[in-house]
Protein backbone atom coordinates (compact mmCIF):
# COMPACT_ATOMS: atom_id res chain seq x y z
CA UNK A 1 37.77 195.06 98.74
CA UNK A 2 37.13 194.32 95.10
CA UNK A 3 40.30 193.84 93.03
CA UNK A 4 39.16 196.47 90.51
CA UNK A 5 38.83 199.08 93.25
CA UNK A 6 42.25 198.19 94.63
CA UNK A 7 43.77 198.50 91.16
CA UNK A 8 42.08 201.85 90.56
CA UNK A 9 43.24 203.12 93.96
CA UNK A 10 46.87 202.10 93.49
CA UNK A 11 46.88 203.51 89.96
CA UNK A 12 45.51 206.83 91.23
CA UNK A 13 48.16 206.98 93.97
CA UNK A 14 50.97 206.17 91.53
CA UNK A 15 49.70 208.63 88.90
CA UNK A 16 49.36 211.39 91.49
CA UNK A 17 52.85 210.69 92.82
CA UNK A 18 54.30 210.62 89.30
CA UNK A 19 52.72 213.94 88.28
CA UNK A 20 53.69 215.61 91.54
CA UNK A 21 57.28 214.33 91.32
CA UNK A 22 57.64 215.42 87.69
CA UNK A 23 56.25 218.91 88.35
CA UNK A 24 58.22 219.39 91.56
CA UNK A 25 61.39 218.47 89.66
CA UNK A 26 60.58 221.25 87.20
CA UNK A 27 60.31 223.62 90.17
CA UNK A 28 63.64 222.48 91.65
CA UNK A 29 65.64 222.30 88.40
CA UNK A 30 66.40 226.07 88.12
CA UNK A 31 67.89 225.87 91.62
CA UNK A 32 70.12 222.94 90.68
CA UNK A 33 68.53 220.44 93.06
CA UNK A 34 66.53 217.25 92.71
CA UNK A 35 63.35 216.21 94.49
CA UNK A 36 65.38 213.75 96.57
CA UNK A 37 67.77 216.52 97.59
CA UNK A 38 64.82 218.75 98.50
CA UNK A 39 63.62 216.00 100.84
CA UNK A 40 67.07 215.96 102.47
CA UNK A 41 66.95 219.76 102.86
CA UNK A 42 63.49 219.43 104.40
CA UNK A 43 64.59 216.80 106.91
CA UNK A 44 67.73 218.72 107.89
CA UNK A 45 66.02 222.11 108.13
CA UNK A 46 63.86 220.84 110.97
CA UNK A 47 66.75 219.03 112.71
CA UNK A 48 68.70 221.85 114.34
CA UNK A 49 71.76 219.82 115.38
CA UNK A 50 71.57 217.67 112.28
CA UNK A 51 70.74 213.98 112.08
CA UNK A 52 72.69 210.82 111.39
CA UNK A 53 72.69 209.32 107.93
CA UNK A 54 70.78 206.34 109.32
CA UNK A 55 68.07 208.64 110.74
CA UNK A 56 67.99 210.46 107.41
CA UNK A 57 67.44 207.14 105.63
CA UNK A 58 64.60 206.32 108.02
CA UNK A 59 62.94 209.70 107.41
CA UNK A 60 63.33 209.42 103.64
CA UNK A 61 62.51 205.68 103.56
CA UNK A 62 65.49 204.95 101.32
CA UNK A 63 68.43 202.58 101.43
CA UNK A 64 71.56 203.68 103.28
CA UNK A 65 73.64 203.60 100.10
CA UNK A 66 71.20 206.06 98.49
CA UNK A 67 71.54 208.37 101.50
CA UNK A 68 75.33 208.20 101.24
CA UNK A 69 75.24 209.19 97.57
CA UNK A 70 72.77 212.02 98.18
CA UNK A 71 74.80 213.40 101.08
CA UNK A 72 78.06 213.04 99.11
CA UNK A 73 76.68 215.12 96.23
CA UNK A 74 75.15 217.71 98.54
CA UNK A 75 78.38 217.97 100.53
CA UNK A 76 80.36 218.46 97.31
CA UNK A 77 77.95 221.29 96.37
CA UNK A 78 78.56 222.90 99.76
CA UNK A 79 74.97 222.53 100.98
CA UNK A 80 75.60 220.08 103.84
CA UNK A 81 78.49 218.96 105.99
CA UNK A 82 79.19 215.88 108.04
CA UNK A 83 80.33 216.24 111.62
CA UNK A 84 81.36 213.62 114.14
CA UNK A 85 78.59 212.74 116.57
CA UNK A 86 79.91 213.58 120.05
CA UNK A 87 77.84 210.74 121.53
CA UNK A 88 79.12 208.09 119.10
CA UNK A 89 82.37 208.50 117.17
CA UNK A 90 81.27 205.88 114.62
CA UNK A 91 78.41 208.12 113.50
CA UNK A 92 78.38 211.27 111.39
CA UNK A 93 75.68 213.88 111.77
CA UNK A 94 74.57 215.65 108.60
CA UNK A 95 74.01 219.39 109.01
CA UNK A 96 72.93 222.15 106.63
CA UNK A 97 75.66 224.66 105.85
CA UNK A 98 74.79 228.37 105.69
CA UNK A 99 74.68 228.04 101.88
CA UNK A 100 72.35 225.05 102.19
CA UNK A 101 70.10 226.93 104.60
CA UNK A 102 69.92 229.92 102.20
CA UNK A 103 68.99 227.65 99.30
CA UNK A 104 66.37 225.89 101.43
CA UNK A 105 64.89 229.25 102.46
CA UNK A 106 64.72 230.30 98.81
CA UNK A 107 63.16 227.11 97.42
CA UNK A 108 60.88 226.06 100.28
CA UNK A 109 58.29 228.87 100.01
CA UNK A 110 57.75 228.17 96.30
CA UNK A 111 57.39 224.46 96.98
CA UNK A 112 55.01 225.05 99.89
CA UNK A 113 52.87 227.27 97.65
CA UNK A 114 52.61 224.42 95.13
CA UNK A 115 51.72 221.96 97.90
CA UNK A 116 48.97 224.27 99.13
CA UNK A 117 47.66 224.66 95.60
CA UNK A 118 47.54 220.88 95.16
CA UNK A 119 45.85 220.10 98.49
CA UNK A 120 43.92 223.36 98.78
CA UNK A 121 40.64 221.78 97.67
CA UNK A 122 40.64 219.51 100.73
CA UNK A 123 39.25 220.50 104.09
CA UNK A 124 41.43 219.96 107.17
CA UNK A 125 39.35 216.88 108.00
CA UNK A 126 39.71 215.46 104.48
CA UNK A 127 43.45 216.13 104.53
CA UNK A 128 43.87 214.31 107.86
CA UNK A 129 41.78 211.34 106.70
CA UNK A 130 43.62 211.16 103.37
CA UNK A 131 46.97 211.34 105.12
CA UNK A 132 45.97 208.53 107.48
CA UNK A 133 44.80 206.37 104.58
CA UNK A 134 47.98 207.06 102.62
CA UNK A 135 50.12 206.15 105.63
CA UNK A 136 48.26 202.85 105.87
CA UNK A 137 48.82 202.22 102.14
CA UNK A 138 52.48 203.14 102.56
CA UNK A 139 52.88 200.69 105.44
CA UNK A 140 51.27 197.97 103.31
CA UNK A 141 53.55 198.79 100.39
CA UNK A 142 56.67 198.76 102.58
CA UNK A 143 55.65 195.40 104.07
CA UNK A 144 54.77 193.90 100.69
CA UNK A 145 57.17 191.32 99.34
CA UNK A 146 57.06 189.10 96.28
CA UNK A 147 57.30 185.37 97.06
CA UNK A 148 60.84 183.99 96.87
CA UNK A 149 61.56 182.01 93.71
């Protein structure tokens, strides 16, 4: 691939992500949540019995300390709770509270409408191909490391 094309591609991905993040934050702000917290809600809403903080970090692709801070703030707000994992007493499972579920059910439809508006111009085939390409770019970005000094 030509370097110019690679630069243009990464710039387009970063610009798209930046615009989408900024606008989604405007959507979430009236509800008192951040985009990162929305992602936690999203992960927990589909995990009936909750998930461990480590699993949450894997889903969100963030550092464990970031997950701890997110969960701490959400627990303080009454949106999530930590429960002992019956299979491993060293592990806490993070679960949506009824208040968290209600907030998720209020915010999610508006967010999904925005997502559909953004991707609505793509066909199913284009969406699948784009998703596959973005996953490959994501894997490359996660694996990328600067040389040690």
